[in-house]
Amino acid sequence: MSDGSLLGYSAKTNEWLYFSYPNIRVENDGPYVFINGNTYSALKVESTEQVHNKVERYTVKNEVRVTVDNEQKTQFDVLLKYVYPHSELSFPSPEKLLAISDIEGNF
């Protein structure tokens, strides 16, 4: 549902369930940087009370400006990297290895 609520049926309890969640408008989302050949572009989404989900795509060169979705609308610039060094992908195996998995977090 568009207001953030969910409707579902529980076969276990044989009843319809209604869950209501606040639908909070995101004012700033992004930028998301995309690479197409040698061209870098960014996509960001802005919303106001009057305009919802205005999508803007623009070309970027060396940095992108980020606007934080807070009351102060804090802004900062992020430098883009054009080269990403890779770490070694194979490591020597130890003589013995102990692996523990604790999905419940009770270890």
Protein backbone atom coordinates (compact mmCIF):
# COMPACT_ATOMS: atom_id res chain seq x y z
CA MET A 1 0.00 0.00 0.00
CA SER A 2 1.30 3.48 -0.80
CA ASP A 3 0.93 4.75 2.77
CA GLY A 4 3.55 2.30 4.05
CA SER A 5 1.10 -0.20 5.51
CA LEU A 6 1.10 -3.90 4.72
CA LEU A 7 -1.73 -6.41 4.64
CA GLY A 8 -1.09 -10.12 4.93
CA TYR A 9 -2.71 -13.40 5.85
CA SER A 10 -1.38 -15.77 8.48
CA ALA A 11 -2.22 -19.41 7.78
CA LYS A 12 -0.86 -20.31 11.22
CA THR A 13 -3.36 -18.13 13.11
CA ASN A 14 -6.02 -18.12 10.33
CA GLU A 15 -6.35 -14.35 10.37
CA TRP A 16 -5.64 -11.26 8.28
CA LEU A 17 -2.87 -9.06 9.66
CA TYR A 18 -2.46 -5.33 9.12
CA PHE A 19 0.89 -3.67 9.74
CA SER A 20 1.26 0.08 9.62
CA TYR A 21 4.63 1.73 9.13
CA PRO A 22 5.27 5.46 8.86
CA ASN A 23 5.82 6.56 5.28
CA ILE A 24 8.69 9.01 5.71
CA ARG A 25 9.58 11.14 2.71
CA VAL A 26 13.26 11.00 1.79
CA GLU A 27 14.37 14.49 0.83
CA ASN A 28 17.81 13.63 -0.57
CA ASP A 29 18.99 10.32 -1.99
CA GLY A 30 22.25 9.85 -3.84
CA PRO A 31 24.28 10.77 -5.70
CA TYR A 32 24.85 7.44 -7.39
CA VAL A 33 27.81 7.58 -9.78
CA PHE A 34 27.76 5.59 -13.03
CA ILE A 35 30.57 4.97 -15.51
CA ASN A 36 29.79 4.73 -19.22
CA GLY A 37 33.04 4.38 -21.15
CA ASN A 38 35.08 7.44 -20.16
CA THR A 39 32.06 9.44 -19.01
CA TYR A 40 31.01 9.66 -15.37
CA SER A 41 27.47 10.68 -14.52
CA ALA A 42 25.58 10.95 -11.25
CA LEU A 43 21.95 10.47 -10.38
CA LYS A 44 20.27 12.01 -7.36
CA VAL A 45 16.69 12.18 -6.09
CA GLU A 46 15.26 15.20 -4.30
CA SER A 47 11.82 15.63 -2.76
CA THR A 48 9.99 18.59 -1.24
CA GLU A 49 6.46 19.04 0.03
CA GLN A 50 5.47 20.23 -3.45
CA VAL A 51 7.59 17.97 -5.69
CA HIS A 52 8.13 14.28 -4.90
CA ASN A 53 11.04 12.25 -6.28
CA LYS A 54 12.58 14.72 -8.70
CA VAL A 55 15.32 12.74 -10.44
CA GLU A 56 18.35 14.62 -11.74
CA ARG A 57 21.12 13.09 -13.86
CA TYR A 58 24.26 15.12 -14.48
CA THR A 59 27.83 14.67 -15.73
CA VAL A 60 30.57 14.73 -13.11
CA LYS A 61 34.31 15.28 -13.46
CA ASN A 62 36.45 14.99 -10.33
CA GLU A 63 33.99 15.12 -7.45
CA VAL A 64 30.35 14.89 -6.45
CA ARG A 65 28.49 16.94 -3.87
CA VAL A 66 26.54 14.97 -1.27
CA THR A 67 23.60 16.46 0.63
CA VAL A 68 22.76 14.69 3.87
CA ASP A 69 19.08 14.03 4.57
CA ASN A 70 19.07 15.90 7.90
CA GLU A 71 17.58 19.17 9.18
CA GLN A 72 20.76 21.13 8.42
CA LYS A 73 21.03 19.74 4.85
CA THR A 74 24.74 19.19 5.51
CA GLN A 75 26.79 19.11 2.30
CA PHE A 76 30.25 17.77 1.52
CA ASP A 77 32.24 16.88 -1.59
CA VAL A 78 33.61 13.42 -2.40
CA LEU A 79 36.59 13.07 -4.74
CA LEU A 80 36.15 10.36 -7.37
CA LYS A 81 38.81 7.70 -7.85
CA TYR A 82 39.58 6.62 -11.38
CA VAL A 83 41.94 3.79 -10.45
CA TYR A 84 41.09 1.13 -7.91
CA PRO A 85 44.05 -0.93 -6.68
CA HIS A 86 43.19 -4.60 -6.21
CA SER A 87 44.36 -6.66 -3.28
CA GLU A 88 45.86 -10.11 -3.68
CA LEU A 89 43.06 -12.56 -4.42
CA SER A 90 44.74 -15.78 -3.33
CA PHE A 91 46.24 -16.39 0.06
CA PRO A 92 48.28 -19.36 1.29
CA SER A 93 46.19 -21.89 3.22
CA PRO A 94 47.16 -22.46 6.86
CA GLU A 95 47.98 -25.94 8.09
CA LYS A 96 44.89 -25.86 10.33
CA LEU A 97 41.79 -23.66 10.21
CA LEU A 98 38.90 -23.33 12.65
CA ALA A 99 35.72 -21.66 11.34
CA ILE A 100 32.86 -20.84 13.71
CA SER A 101 29.43 -19.63 12.65
CA ASP A 102 26.98 -18.34 15.26
CA ILE A 103 23.92 -16.96 13.51
CA GLU A 104 22.07 -16.33 16.79
CA GLY A 105 24.97 -14.37 18.31
CA ASN A 106 25.23 -16.51 21.44
CA PHE A 107 28.85 -17.61 21.09
